[in-house]
């Protein structure tokens, strides 16, 4: 009679049956960078508040909320876990994450660092050089950059500082359709500087300034 092999050590365990729907067990409200929101069976609350256009808004037991999500073949997503009760929406989770990432990128773009372009003049800049630099400043303001214009005084040319101030004020006046003065001419060492920021809505802001000036004239 053939002997059966004698195995030592622990017996191999039979594979566990798969859970329905392929859901992983609820191990608390664990989250990671890939799944920043608790979804479906990972939501631990006993009841949740449903919001959104595709549901009747209100407070539901978690089982009923999950059933509504399954009926729509969508996911139950916990968007405000600290609320009482937690706030959830019923959406496609992958599409929801895509929209969140898209929104974050847009917010970062809006909060991007402001670019400052510098334009240098001499106290006795001729008209040709002035117009050339004015054209560049218009381009910078149109693209949304700030313009920092300054007159640099060398040696005894500091005696012409009044002339430099007149030049910068003329520069600001010629750019009033594209930018507004953020800082009036200031002398720091050998530099006299003026700062201009782009108009968000040039025509609208220009009209508002014009109305304000006319109101001041009437008042005086």
N, C-alpha and C. Protein backbone atom coordinates (compact mmCIF):
# COMPACT_ATOMS: atom_id res chain seq x y z
N UNK A 1 0.86 -1.20 0.00
CA UNK A 1 0.00 0.00 0.00
C UNK A 1 0.89 1.24 0.00
N UNK A 2 0.55 2.19 -0.89
CA UNK A 2 1.38 3.40 -1.06
C UNK A 2 1.15 4.34 0.11
N UNK A 3 2.26 4.78 0.70
CA UNK A 3 2.15 5.70 1.84
C UNK A 3 1.91 7.13 1.35
N UNK A 4 1.07 7.86 2.10
CA UNK A 4 0.83 9.28 1.78
C UNK A 4 2.00 10.09 2.30
N UNK A 5 2.42 11.11 1.55
CA UNK A 5 3.55 11.95 2.02
C UNK A 5 3.18 12.66 3.30
N UNK A 6 4.14 12.73 4.19
CA UNK A 6 3.94 13.38 5.48
C UNK A 6 4.45 14.82 5.41
N UNK A 7 3.50 15.81 5.38
CA UNK A 7 3.89 17.22 5.29
C UNK A 7 4.17 17.76 6.68
N UNK A 8 5.21 18.54 6.81
CA UNK A 8 5.52 19.20 8.07
C UNK A 8 5.19 20.67 7.95
N UNK A 9 4.94 21.31 9.07
CA UNK A 9 4.62 22.73 9.04
C UNK A 9 3.12 22.94 8.88
N UNK A 10 2.70 24.25 8.79
CA UNK A 10 1.26 24.56 8.71
C UNK A 10 0.66 24.09 7.41
N UNK A 11 -0.57 23.67 7.49
CA UNK A 11 -1.26 23.23 6.30
C UNK A 11 -1.63 24.41 5.41
N UNK A 12 -1.57 24.22 4.11
CA UNK A 12 -1.96 25.33 3.21
C UNK A 12 -3.43 25.66 3.39
N UNK A 13 -3.72 27.00 3.41
CA UNK A 13 -5.09 27.45 3.63
C UNK A 13 -5.84 27.50 2.31
N UNK A 14 -7.10 27.14 2.38
CA UNK A 14 -7.93 27.20 1.17
C UNK A 14 -8.18 28.66 0.81
N UNK A 15 -8.23 28.98 -0.48
CA UNK A 15 -8.46 30.37 -0.88
C UNK A 15 -9.81 30.86 -0.40
N UNK A 16 -9.84 32.15 0.04
CA UNK A 16 -11.08 32.72 0.53
C UNK A 16 -11.99 33.08 -0.64
N UNK A 17 -13.29 32.92 -0.46
CA UNK A 17 -14.20 33.29 -1.55
C UNK A 17 -14.15 34.78 -1.82
N UNK A 18 -14.28 35.13 -3.09
CA UNK A 18 -14.22 36.54 -3.48
C UNK A 18 -15.44 37.27 -2.94
N UNK A 19 -15.24 38.54 -2.54
CA UNK A 19 -16.34 39.33 -2.03
C UNK A 19 -17.19 39.84 -3.18
N UNK A 20 -18.49 39.97 -2.97
CA UNK A 20 -19.36 40.41 -4.04
C UNK A 20 -18.98 41.79 -4.52
N UNK A 21 -18.97 41.94 -5.85
CA UNK A 21 -18.66 43.24 -6.44
C UNK A 21 -17.19 43.58 -6.39
N UNK A 22 -16.33 42.66 -5.91
CA UNK A 22 -14.90 42.92 -5.86
C UNK A 22 -14.52 44.00 -4.86
N UNK A 23 -15.39 44.29 -3.88
CA UNK A 23 -15.12 45.34 -2.92
C UNK A 23 -14.10 44.88 -1.89
N UNK A 24 -13.20 45.81 -1.54
CA UNK A 24 -12.23 45.51 -0.50
C UNK A 24 -12.87 45.72 0.87
N UNK A 25 -12.37 45.04 1.92
CA UNK A 25 -12.96 45.21 3.24
C UNK A 25 -12.78 46.62 3.75
N UNK A 26 -13.70 47.05 4.59
CA UNK A 26 -13.63 48.38 5.15
C UNK A 26 -12.58 48.40 6.26
N UNK A 27 -11.47 49.07 6.01
CA UNK A 27 -10.40 49.17 7.01
C UNK A 27 -10.33 50.60 7.54
N UNK A 28 -11.46 51.11 7.91
CA UNK A 28 -11.49 52.49 8.37
C UNK A 28 -11.52 53.42 7.18
N UNK A 29 -11.38 54.67 7.46
CA UNK A 29 -11.46 55.67 6.40
C UNK A 29 -10.09 55.92 5.81
N UNK A 30 -9.38 54.85 5.43
CA UNK A 30 -8.02 54.98 4.92
C UNK A 30 -8.04 55.66 3.55
N UNK A 31 -7.08 56.56 3.35
CA UNK A 31 -7.01 57.28 2.09
C UNK A 31 -5.56 57.39 1.68
N UNK A 32 -5.33 57.57 0.39
CA UNK A 32 -3.99 57.80 -0.10
C UNK A 32 -4.06 58.80 -1.23
N UNK A 33 -2.90 59.07 -1.82
CA UNK A 33 -2.86 60.08 -2.88
C UNK A 33 -3.70 59.69 -4.07
N UNK A 34 -3.83 58.39 -4.31
CA UNK A 34 -4.59 57.94 -5.47
C UNK A 34 -6.09 58.01 -5.20
N UNK A 35 -6.51 57.72 -3.98
CA UNK A 35 -7.93 57.76 -3.60
C UNK A 35 -8.10 58.74 -2.43
N UNK A 36 -8.13 60.03 -2.72
CA UNK A 36 -8.23 61.02 -1.64
C UNK A 36 -9.59 61.07 -0.98
N UNK A 37 -10.59 60.44 -1.58
CA UNK A 37 -11.95 60.45 -1.03
C UNK A 37 -12.39 59.04 -0.66
N UNK A 38 -13.13 58.93 0.44
CA UNK A 38 -13.75 57.64 0.78
C UNK A 38 -14.94 57.42 -0.14
N UNK A 39 -15.07 56.20 -0.64
CA UNK A 39 -16.16 55.90 -1.56
C UNK A 39 -16.85 54.59 -1.18
N UNK A 40 -18.13 54.51 -1.53
CA UNK A 40 -18.91 53.28 -1.39
C UNK A 40 -18.74 52.65 0.00
N UNK A 41 -18.34 51.36 0.05
CA UNK A 41 -18.25 50.65 1.33
C UNK A 41 -17.15 51.18 2.25
N UNK A 42 -16.29 52.05 1.76
CA UNK A 42 -15.24 52.62 2.60
C UNK A 42 -15.77 53.76 3.47
N UNK A 43 -17.00 54.20 3.21
CA UNK A 43 -17.59 55.26 4.03
C UNK A 43 -18.10 54.65 5.33
N UNK A 44 -17.65 55.15 6.46
CA UNK A 44 -17.92 54.53 7.76
C UNK A 44 -19.17 55.06 8.45
N UNK A 45 -19.67 56.21 8.00
CA UNK A 45 -20.82 56.81 8.69
C UNK A 45 -22.07 55.95 8.56
N UNK A 46 -22.93 56.02 9.56
CA UNK A 46 -24.19 55.26 9.53
C UNK A 46 -25.23 55.93 8.64
N UNK A 47 -25.15 57.26 8.55
CA UNK A 47 -26.04 58.00 7.66
C UNK A 47 -25.26 59.14 7.02
N UNK A 48 -25.73 59.56 5.84
CA UNK A 48 -25.04 60.60 5.08
C UNK A 48 -26.06 61.58 4.52
N UNK A 49 -25.58 62.77 4.19
CA UNK A 49 -26.43 63.75 3.52
C UNK A 49 -26.10 63.73 2.02
N UNK A 50 -27.08 63.42 1.20
CA UNK A 50 -26.89 63.39 -0.25
C UNK A 50 -27.20 64.75 -0.85
N UNK A 51 -26.30 65.22 -1.72
CA UNK A 51 -26.52 66.47 -2.45
C UNK A 51 -26.26 66.20 -3.93
N UNK A 52 -26.74 67.11 -4.77
CA UNK A 52 -26.53 66.95 -6.21
C UNK A 52 -27.83 66.99 -6.96
N UNK A 53 -27.72 67.13 -8.28
CA UNK A 53 -28.90 67.26 -9.13
C UNK A 53 -29.56 65.91 -9.44
N UNK A 54 -28.83 64.82 -9.26
CA UNK A 54 -29.36 63.51 -9.66
C UNK A 54 -29.99 62.72 -8.51
N UNK A 55 -30.18 63.39 -7.36
CA UNK A 55 -30.80 62.72 -6.21
C UNK A 55 -31.78 63.67 -5.52
N UNK A 56 -32.67 63.08 -4.72
CA UNK A 56 -33.50 63.90 -3.85
C UNK A 56 -32.67 64.20 -2.61
N UNK A 57 -32.31 65.46 -2.45
CA UNK A 57 -31.37 65.81 -1.40
C UNK A 57 -31.98 65.59 -0.02
N UNK A 58 -31.13 65.12 0.89
CA UNK A 58 -31.58 64.86 2.24
C UNK A 58 -30.65 63.89 2.95
N UNK A 59 -31.03 63.49 4.16
CA UNK A 59 -30.23 62.57 4.97
C UNK A 59 -30.75 61.15 4.78
N UNK A 60 -29.83 60.21 4.49
CA UNK A 60 -30.20 58.83 4.21
C UNK A 60 -29.34 57.89 5.05
N UNK A 61 -29.88 56.74 5.46
CA UNK A 61 -29.03 55.68 6.03
C UNK A 61 -28.02 55.25 4.97
N UNK A 62 -26.83 54.88 5.39
CA UNK A 62 -25.76 54.54 4.45
C UNK A 62 -26.17 53.42 3.49
N UNK A 63 -26.93 52.43 3.97
CA UNK A 63 -27.35 51.33 3.10
C UNK A 63 -28.24 51.82 1.96
N UNK A 64 -29.14 52.75 2.28
CA UNK A 64 -30.03 53.28 1.25
C UNK A 64 -29.26 54.15 0.26
N UNK A 65 -28.32 54.93 0.76
CA UNK A 65 -27.50 55.78 -0.12
C UNK A 65 -26.69 54.92 -1.09
N UNK A 66 -26.13 53.81 -0.57
CA UNK A 66 -25.38 52.89 -1.44
C UNK A 66 -26.28 52.25 -2.48
N UNK A 67 -27.49 51.93 -2.09
CA UNK A 67 -28.42 51.31 -3.03
C UNK A 67 -28.80 52.28 -4.15
N UNK A 68 -28.99 53.55 -3.80
CA UNK A 68 -29.30 54.57 -4.82
C UNK A 68 -28.13 54.69 -5.81
N UNK A 69 -26.91 54.67 -5.27
CA UNK A 69 -25.73 54.77 -6.14
C UNK A 69 -25.64 53.58 -7.08
N UNK A 70 -25.90 52.37 -6.54
CA UNK A 70 -25.83 51.16 -7.38
C UNK A 70 -26.90 51.19 -8.46
N UNK A 71 -28.09 51.69 -8.11
CA UNK A 71 -29.17 51.75 -9.10
C UNK A 71 -28.81 52.66 -10.27
N UNK A 72 -28.01 53.71 -9.99
CA UNK A 72 -27.58 54.62 -11.05
C UNK A 72 -26.25 54.18 -11.68
N UNK A 73 -25.72 53.04 -11.20
CA UNK A 73 -24.43 52.52 -11.67
C UNK A 73 -23.32 53.56 -11.51
N UNK A 74 -23.36 54.24 -10.35
CA UNK A 74 -22.37 55.27 -10.04
C UNK A 74 -21.78 54.99 -8.67
N UNK A 75 -20.94 55.90 -8.20
CA UNK A 75 -20.26 55.73 -6.91
C UNK A 75 -20.80 56.73 -5.90
N UNK A 76 -20.80 56.29 -4.63
CA UNK A 76 -21.13 57.18 -3.52
C UNK A 76 -19.81 57.77 -3.04
N UNK A 77 -19.67 59.10 -3.12
CA UNK A 77 -18.40 59.76 -2.81
C UNK A 77 -18.59 60.70 -1.63
N UNK A 78 -17.77 60.53 -0.60
CA UNK A 78 -17.82 61.37 0.59
C UNK A 78 -16.99 62.63 0.34
N UNK A 79 -17.67 63.76 0.11
CA UNK A 79 -16.94 64.99 -0.25
C UNK A 79 -16.67 65.89 0.95
N UNK A 80 -17.45 65.74 2.03
CA UNK A 80 -17.22 66.52 3.25
C UNK A 80 -17.31 65.59 4.46
N UNK A 81 -16.21 64.89 4.78
CA UNK A 81 -16.23 63.89 5.85
C UNK A 81 -16.43 64.48 7.24
N UNK A 82 -16.10 65.76 7.45
CA UNK A 82 -16.17 66.36 8.78
C UNK A 82 -17.53 66.96 9.09
N UNK A 83 -18.43 66.97 8.11
CA UNK A 83 -19.78 67.51 8.36
C UNK A 83 -20.58 66.50 9.17
N UNK A 84 -21.66 66.97 9.77
CA UNK A 84 -22.54 66.09 10.56
C UNK A 84 -23.94 66.10 9.98
N UNK A 85 -24.40 65.06 9.30
CA UNK A 85 -23.62 63.88 8.91
C UNK A 85 -22.73 64.21 7.70
N UNK A 86 -21.80 63.33 7.33
CA UNK A 86 -20.93 63.58 6.18
C UNK A 86 -21.75 63.82 4.90
N UNK A 87 -21.23 64.71 4.06
CA UNK A 87 -21.92 65.05 2.81
C UNK A 87 -21.37 64.18 1.69
N UNK A 88 -22.27 63.60 0.91
CA UNK A 88 -21.87 62.72 -0.19
C UNK A 88 -22.54 63.14 -1.49
N UNK A 89 -21.92 62.74 -2.59
CA UNK A 89 -22.52 62.91 -3.91
C UNK A 89 -22.46 61.58 -4.64
N UNK A 90 -23.37 61.40 -5.57
CA UNK A 90 -23.40 60.18 -6.38
C UNK A 90 -22.94 60.53 -7.78
N UNK A 91 -21.73 60.08 -8.10
CA UNK A 91 -21.09 60.43 -9.37
C UNK A 91 -20.21 59.28 -9.83
N UNK A 92 -19.72 59.39 -11.06
CA UNK A 92 -18.68 58.48 -11.52
C UNK A 92 -17.37 58.93 -10.88
N UNK A 93 -16.74 58.07 -10.09
CA UNK A 93 -15.59 58.48 -9.29
C UNK A 93 -14.42 58.95 -10.15
N UNK A 94 -14.13 58.26 -11.25
CA UNK A 94 -13.00 58.63 -12.10
C UNK A 94 -13.23 60.00 -12.75
N UNK A 95 -14.47 60.23 -13.20
CA UNK A 95 -14.79 61.55 -13.80
C UNK A 95 -14.70 62.64 -12.74
N UNK A 96 -15.15 62.32 -11.52
CA UNK A 96 -15.08 63.27 -10.42
C UNK A 96 -13.63 63.67 -10.13
N UNK A 97 -12.72 62.69 -10.06
CA UNK A 97 -11.30 62.97 -9.82
C UNK A 97 -10.70 63.81 -10.94
N UNK A 98 -11.09 63.51 -12.18
CA UNK A 98 -10.59 64.27 -13.33
C UNK A 98 -11.00 65.74 -13.22
N UNK A 99 -12.26 65.99 -12.87
CA UNK A 99 -12.75 67.36 -12.73
C UNK A 99 -12.04 68.09 -11.60
N UNK A 100 -11.75 67.38 -10.51
CA UNK A 100 -11.04 67.99 -9.37
C UNK A 100 -9.63 68.40 -9.77
N UNK A 101 -8.94 67.52 -10.49
CA UNK A 101 -7.57 67.83 -10.94
C UNK A 101 -7.56 68.99 -11.91
N UNK A 102 -8.54 69.01 -12.80
CA UNK A 102 -8.66 70.10 -13.78
C UNK A 102 -8.88 71.44 -13.07
N UNK A 103 -9.74 71.43 -12.05
CA UNK A 103 -10.01 72.65 -11.29
C UNK A 103 -8.77 73.13 -10.55
N UNK A 104 -8.01 72.19 -9.98
CA UNK A 104 -6.79 72.56 -9.27
C UNK A 104 -5.76 73.19 -10.20
N UNK A 105 -5.65 72.65 -11.42
CA UNK A 105 -4.71 73.22 -12.39
C UNK A 105 -5.11 74.63 -12.78
N UNK A 106 -6.42 74.85 -12.94
CA UNK A 106 -6.90 76.19 -13.28
C UNK A 106 -6.62 77.18 -12.15
N UNK A 107 -6.79 76.73 -10.91
CA UNK A 107 -6.53 77.60 -9.78
C UNK A 107 -5.05 77.94 -9.67
N UNK A 108 -4.18 76.96 -9.96
CA UNK A 108 -2.73 77.21 -9.93
C UNK A 108 -2.33 78.19 -11.02
N UNK A 109 -2.96 78.05 -12.19
CA UNK A 109 -2.66 78.95 -13.30
C UNK A 109 -3.04 80.39 -12.95
N UNK A 110 -4.18 80.55 -12.26
CA UNK A 110 -4.62 81.88 -11.88
C UNK A 110 -3.70 82.49 -10.83
N UNK A 111 -3.17 81.62 -9.97
CA UNK A 111 -2.30 82.10 -8.90
C UNK A 111 -0.83 82.11 -9.30
N UNK A 112 -0.58 82.03 -10.59
CA UNK A 112 0.81 82.00 -11.08
C UNK A 112 1.52 83.31 -10.72
N UNK A 113 2.81 83.23 -10.57
CA UNK A 113 3.62 84.39 -10.20
C UNK A 113 3.53 85.47 -11.26
N UNK A 114 3.33 86.72 -10.83
CA UNK A 114 3.22 87.84 -11.76
C UNK A 114 4.59 88.14 -12.35
N UNK A 115 4.62 88.29 -13.68
CA UNK A 115 5.88 88.60 -14.37
C UNK A 115 6.06 90.11 -14.43
N UNK A 116 7.26 90.58 -14.09
CA UNK A 116 7.58 92.01 -14.15
C UNK A 116 8.65 92.23 -15.21
N UNK A 117 8.32 93.07 -16.20
CA UNK A 117 9.27 93.40 -17.26
C UNK A 117 9.87 94.77 -16.97
N UNK A 118 11.17 94.88 -17.13
CA UNK A 118 11.85 96.15 -16.85
C UNK A 118 12.19 96.87 -18.15
N UNK A 119 12.03 98.18 -18.13
CA UNK A 119 12.39 99.04 -19.26
C UNK A 119 13.24 100.18 -18.73
N UNK A 120 14.39 100.35 -19.34
CA UNK A 120 15.35 101.34 -18.85
C UNK A 120 15.43 102.53 -19.80
N UNK A 121 15.45 103.72 -19.20
CA UNK A 121 15.63 104.97 -19.94
C UNK A 121 16.86 105.70 -19.42
N UNK A 122 17.37 106.59 -20.27
CA UNK A 122 18.34 107.57 -19.82
C UNK A 122 17.61 108.89 -19.62
N UNK A 123 18.18 109.82 -18.86
CA UNK A 123 17.47 111.09 -18.60
C UNK A 123 17.23 111.91 -19.88
N UNK A 124 18.00 111.65 -20.93
CA UNK A 124 17.85 112.40 -22.18
C UNK A 124 17.55 111.45 -23.35
N UNK A 125 16.61 110.55 -23.13
CA UNK A 125 16.21 109.58 -24.16
C UNK A 125 15.55 110.30 -25.33
N UNK A 126 15.98 109.97 -26.56
CA UNK A 126 15.38 110.63 -27.74
C UNK A 126 14.05 109.99 -28.10
N UNK A 127 13.31 110.63 -28.99
CA UNK A 127 11.96 110.18 -29.34
C UNK A 127 11.95 108.79 -29.97
N UNK A 128 12.94 108.50 -30.81
CA UNK A 128 12.99 107.19 -31.49
C UNK A 128 13.12 106.06 -30.47
N UNK A 129 14.05 106.22 -29.53
CA UNK A 129 14.26 105.20 -28.49
C UNK A 129 13.04 105.10 -27.57
N UNK A 130 12.45 106.27 -27.27
CA UNK A 130 11.26 106.30 -26.41
C UNK A 130 10.11 105.53 -27.04
N UNK A 131 9.82 105.78 -28.31
CA UNK A 131 8.71 105.11 -28.99
C UNK A 131 8.95 103.61 -29.12
N UNK A 132 10.21 103.22 -29.33
CA UNK A 132 10.56 101.81 -29.43
C UNK A 132 10.25 101.09 -28.10
N UNK A 133 10.63 101.73 -27.00
CA UNK A 133 10.39 101.12 -25.69
C UNK A 133 8.91 101.19 -25.29
N UNK A 134 8.23 102.22 -25.74
CA UNK A 134 6.78 102.33 -25.49
C UNK A 134 6.04 101.17 -26.16
N UNK A 135 6.44 100.84 -27.38
CA UNK A 135 5.82 99.73 -28.12
C UNK A 135 6.02 98.42 -27.37
N UNK A 136 7.21 98.21 -26.83
CA UNK A 136 7.49 96.99 -26.05
C UNK A 136 6.63 96.95 -24.79
N UNK A 137 6.49 98.09 -24.12
CA UNK A 137 5.70 98.16 -22.90
C UNK A 137 4.23 97.82 -23.17
N UNK A 138 3.70 98.29 -24.28
CA UNK A 138 2.32 97.97 -24.66
C UNK A 138 2.16 96.46 -24.81
N UNK A 139 3.13 95.82 -25.48
CA UNK A 139 3.09 94.38 -25.66
C UNK A 139 3.13 93.63 -24.34
N UNK A 140 3.98 94.10 -23.39
CA UNK A 140 4.09 93.46 -22.09
C UNK A 140 2.78 93.56 -21.31
N UNK A 141 2.16 94.74 -21.31
CA UNK A 141 0.92 94.94 -20.58
C UNK A 141 -0.22 94.13 -21.19
N UNK A 142 -0.24 94.01 -22.50
CA UNK A 142 -1.28 93.23 -23.18
C UNK A 142 -1.21 91.75 -22.81
N UNK A 143 0.02 91.26 -22.60
CA UNK A 143 0.17 89.84 -22.25
C UNK A 143 -0.02 89.58 -20.76
N UNK A 144 -0.29 90.64 -20.01
CA UNK A 144 -0.59 90.48 -18.58
C UNK A 144 0.57 90.70 -17.64
N UNK A 145 1.71 91.16 -18.15
CA UNK A 145 2.88 91.42 -17.31
C UNK A 145 2.83 92.84 -16.75
N UNK A 146 3.48 93.01 -15.61
CA UNK A 146 3.66 94.36 -15.07
C UNK A 146 4.88 94.99 -15.75
N UNK A 147 4.91 96.31 -15.76
CA UNK A 147 6.04 97.02 -16.37
C UNK A 147 6.69 97.92 -15.31
N UNK A 148 7.97 97.70 -15.10
CA UNK A 148 8.76 98.54 -14.20
C UNK A 148 9.71 99.36 -15.06
N UNK A 149 9.39 100.64 -15.20
CA UNK A 149 10.22 101.53 -16.02
C UNK A 149 11.06 102.40 -15.09
N UNK A 150 12.31 102.61 -15.47
CA UNK A 150 13.16 103.44 -14.62
C UNK A 150 14.14 104.26 -15.46
N UNK A 151 14.52 105.39 -14.91
CA UNK A 151 15.55 106.24 -15.50
C UNK A 151 16.80 106.08 -14.65
N UNK A 152 17.90 105.75 -15.32
CA UNK A 152 19.17 105.55 -14.61
C UNK A 152 20.04 106.79 -14.81
N UNK A 153 20.48 107.36 -13.70
CA UNK A 153 21.29 108.57 -13.75
C UNK A 153 22.76 108.21 -13.51
N UNK A 154 23.60 108.57 -14.47
CA UNK A 154 25.03 108.32 -14.32
C UNK A 154 25.75 109.62 -13.97
N UNK A 155 26.62 109.50 -12.99
CA UNK A 155 27.44 110.65 -12.63
C UNK A 155 26.62 111.89 -12.33
N UNK A 156 26.96 112.98 -13.05
CA UNK A 156 26.32 114.27 -12.80
C UNK A 156 24.94 114.37 -13.45
N UNK A 157 24.51 113.33 -14.18
CA UNK A 157 23.19 113.38 -14.81
C UNK A 157 22.07 113.38 -13.77
N UNK A 158 22.43 113.12 -12.49
CA UNK A 158 21.44 113.16 -11.42
C UNK A 158 20.85 114.57 -11.30
N UNK A 159 21.56 115.55 -11.85
CA UNK A 159 21.06 116.93 -11.85
C UNK A 159 19.79 117.06 -12.68
N UNK A 160 19.57 116.08 -13.57
CA UNK A 160 18.40 116.14 -14.45
C UNK A 160 17.27 115.23 -13.94
N UNK A 161 17.18 115.06 -12.61
CA UNK A 161 16.17 114.15 -12.08
C UNK A 161 14.75 114.62 -12.38
N UNK A 162 14.54 115.97 -12.42
CA UNK A 162 13.20 116.47 -12.78
C UNK A 162 12.84 116.06 -14.20
N UNK A 163 13.84 116.08 -15.08
CA UNK A 163 13.62 115.67 -16.46
C UNK A 163 13.27 114.19 -16.54
N UNK A 164 13.89 113.39 -15.68
CA UNK A 164 13.58 111.96 -15.64
C UNK A 164 12.16 111.71 -15.15
N UNK A 165 11.72 112.49 -14.16
CA UNK A 165 10.36 112.34 -13.64
C UNK A 165 9.33 112.68 -14.71
N UNK A 166 9.59 113.75 -15.46
CA UNK A 166 8.68 114.14 -16.55
C UNK A 166 8.59 113.03 -17.59
N UNK A 167 9.74 112.40 -17.88
CA UNK A 167 9.77 111.31 -18.87
C UNK A 167 8.92 110.14 -18.41
N UNK A 168 9.02 109.75 -17.14
CA UNK A 168 8.26 108.61 -16.64
C UNK A 168 6.76 108.91 -16.58
N UNK A 169 6.41 110.15 -16.23
CA UNK A 169 4.99 110.52 -16.19
C UNK A 169 4.39 110.55 -17.60
N UNK A 170 5.19 110.99 -18.56
CA UNK A 170 4.75 110.94 -19.96
C UNK A 170 4.55 109.50 -20.40
N UNK A 171 5.46 108.63 -19.99
CA UNK A 171 5.39 107.20 -20.31
C UNK A 171 4.10 106.60 -19.76
N UNK A 172 3.79 106.91 -18.50
CA UNK A 172 2.57 106.39 -17.87
C UNK A 172 1.32 106.92 -18.57
N UNK A 173 1.34 108.17 -18.97
CA UNK A 173 0.20 108.78 -19.66
C UNK A 173 -0.03 108.13 -21.01
N UNK A 174 1.04 107.81 -21.72
CA UNK A 174 0.93 107.18 -23.05
C UNK A 174 0.44 105.73 -22.95
N UNK A 175 0.54 105.15 -21.75
CA UNK A 175 0.13 103.76 -21.56
C UNK A 175 -1.21 103.63 -20.81
N UNK A 176 -1.94 104.74 -20.63
CA UNK A 176 -3.14 104.69 -19.80
C UNK A 176 -4.24 103.79 -20.37
N UNK A 177 -4.20 103.50 -21.68
CA UNK A 177 -5.18 102.60 -22.28
C UNK A 177 -4.86 101.13 -22.00
N UNK A 178 -3.64 100.86 -21.54
CA UNK A 178 -3.20 99.48 -21.37
C UNK A 178 -2.82 99.14 -19.92
N UNK A 179 -2.46 100.14 -19.14
CA UNK A 179 -2.05 99.87 -17.76
C UNK A 179 -2.33 101.05 -16.86
N UNK A 180 -2.31 100.78 -15.56
CA UNK A 180 -2.52 101.85 -14.58
C UNK A 180 -1.30 101.95 -13.68
N UNK A 181 -1.06 103.14 -13.18
CA UNK A 181 0.11 103.38 -12.34
C UNK A 181 -0.11 102.73 -10.98
N UNK A 182 0.81 101.86 -10.63
CA UNK A 182 0.76 101.19 -9.34
C UNK A 182 1.64 101.91 -8.33
N UNK A 183 2.70 102.55 -8.84
CA UNK A 183 3.62 103.30 -7.98
C UNK A 183 4.13 104.50 -8.76
N UNK A 184 3.94 105.69 -8.21
CA UNK A 184 4.41 106.92 -8.85
C UNK A 184 5.94 106.96 -8.83
N UNK A 185 6.54 107.83 -9.69
CA UNK A 185 8.01 107.89 -9.76
C UNK A 185 8.66 108.10 -8.40
N UNK A 186 9.60 107.22 -8.07
CA UNK A 186 10.32 107.28 -6.80
C UNK A 186 11.82 107.20 -7.10
N UNK A 187 12.60 108.09 -6.48
CA UNK A 187 14.04 108.09 -6.67
C UNK A 187 14.69 107.25 -5.59
N UNK A 188 15.42 106.21 -6.01
CA UNK A 188 16.16 105.35 -5.08
C UNK A 188 17.59 105.26 -5.58
N UNK A 189 18.48 105.94 -4.88
CA UNK A 189 19.87 105.96 -5.33
C UNK A 189 20.00 106.67 -6.67
N UNK A 190 20.47 105.94 -7.68
CA UNK A 190 20.63 106.52 -9.01
C UNK A 190 19.50 106.13 -9.96
N UNK A 191 18.45 105.54 -9.41
CA UNK A 191 17.31 105.11 -10.23
C UNK A 191 16.04 105.84 -9.81
N UNK A 192 15.28 106.28 -10.81
CA UNK A 192 13.93 106.77 -10.56
C UNK A 192 12.98 105.79 -11.25
N UNK A 193 12.07 105.21 -10.47
CA UNK A 193 11.27 104.08 -10.95
C UNK A 193 9.77 104.38 -10.89
N UNK A 194 9.05 103.84 -11.87
CA UNK A 194 7.59 103.87 -11.87
C UNK A 194 7.11 102.45 -12.19
N UNK A 195 6.00 102.03 -11.58
CA UNK A 195 5.46 100.68 -11.81
C UNK A 195 4.06 100.77 -12.37
N UNK A 196 3.81 99.99 -13.42
CA UNK A 196 2.48 99.94 -14.04
C UNK A 196 2.00 98.51 -14.08
N UNK A 197 0.70 98.32 -13.80
CA UNK A 197 0.09 96.99 -13.87
C UNK A 197 -0.94 96.97 -14.99
N UNK A 198 -1.13 95.81 -15.64
CA UNK A 198 -2.06 95.74 -16.78
C UNK A 198 -3.51 95.92 -16.35
N UNK A 199 -4.31 96.49 -17.22
CA UNK A 199 -5.74 96.61 -16.97
C UNK A 199 -6.41 95.28 -17.26
N UNK A 200 -7.27 94.81 -16.34
CA UNK A 200 -7.99 93.55 -16.56
C UNK A 200 -9.01 93.69 -17.68
N UNK A 201 -9.71 94.81 -17.66
CA UNK A 201 -10.67 95.11 -18.72
C UNK A 201 -10.41 96.55 -19.14
N UNK A 202 -9.46 96.77 -20.08
CA UNK A 202 -8.99 98.12 -20.41
C UNK A 202 -10.10 99.14 -20.65
N UNK A 203 -11.09 98.83 -21.49
CA UNK A 203 -12.13 99.79 -21.84
C UNK A 203 -12.98 100.14 -20.62
N UNK A 204 -13.32 99.11 -19.83
CA UNK A 204 -14.18 99.31 -18.67
C UNK A 204 -13.46 100.15 -17.62
N UNK A 205 -12.19 99.83 -17.32
CA UNK A 205 -11.46 100.56 -16.30
C UNK A 205 -11.16 101.98 -16.75
N UNK A 206 -10.90 102.15 -18.05
CA UNK A 206 -10.63 103.48 -18.58
C UNK A 206 -11.87 104.37 -18.43
N UNK A 207 -13.04 103.80 -18.70
CA UNK A 207 -14.30 104.56 -18.55
C UNK A 207 -14.54 104.93 -17.09
N UNK A 208 -14.24 103.98 -16.18
CA UNK A 208 -14.43 104.24 -14.76
C UNK A 208 -13.53 105.37 -14.29
N UNK A 209 -12.27 105.39 -14.75
CA UNK A 209 -11.35 106.47 -14.38
C UNK A 209 -11.83 107.81 -14.93
N UNK A 210 -12.32 107.77 -16.16
CA UNK A 210 -12.81 108.99 -16.79
C UNK A 210 -14.01 109.55 -16.03
N UNK A 211 -14.94 108.66 -15.63
CA UNK A 211 -16.11 109.08 -14.86
C UNK A 211 -15.71 109.66 -13.50
N UNK A 212 -14.70 109.04 -12.90
CA UNK A 212 -14.23 109.52 -11.59
C UNK A 212 -13.62 110.91 -11.72
N UNK A 213 -12.85 111.15 -12.79
CA UNK A 213 -12.23 112.46 -13.00
C UNK A 213 -13.28 113.53 -13.26
N UNK A 214 -14.30 113.18 -14.05
CA UNK A 214 -15.35 114.17 -14.34
C UNK A 214 -16.16 114.48 -13.08
N UNK A 215 -16.36 113.45 -12.22
CA UNK A 215 -17.07 113.67 -10.97
C UNK A 215 -16.29 114.61 -10.05
N UNK A 216 -14.96 114.45 -10.04
CA UNK A 216 -14.11 115.32 -9.23
C UNK A 216 -14.17 116.76 -9.71
N UNK A 217 -14.20 116.94 -11.04
CA UNK A 217 -14.27 118.31 -11.61
C UNK A 217 -15.57 118.98 -11.23
N UNK A 218 -16.68 118.21 -11.29
CA UNK A 218 -17.99 118.77 -10.95
C UNK A 218 -18.04 119.15 -9.47
N UNK A 219 -17.42 118.32 -8.64
CA UNK A 219 -17.44 118.58 -7.20
C UNK A 219 -16.64 119.83 -6.86
N UNK A 220 -15.55 120.06 -7.63
CA UNK A 220 -14.72 121.24 -7.37
C UNK A 220 -15.32 122.49 -8.00
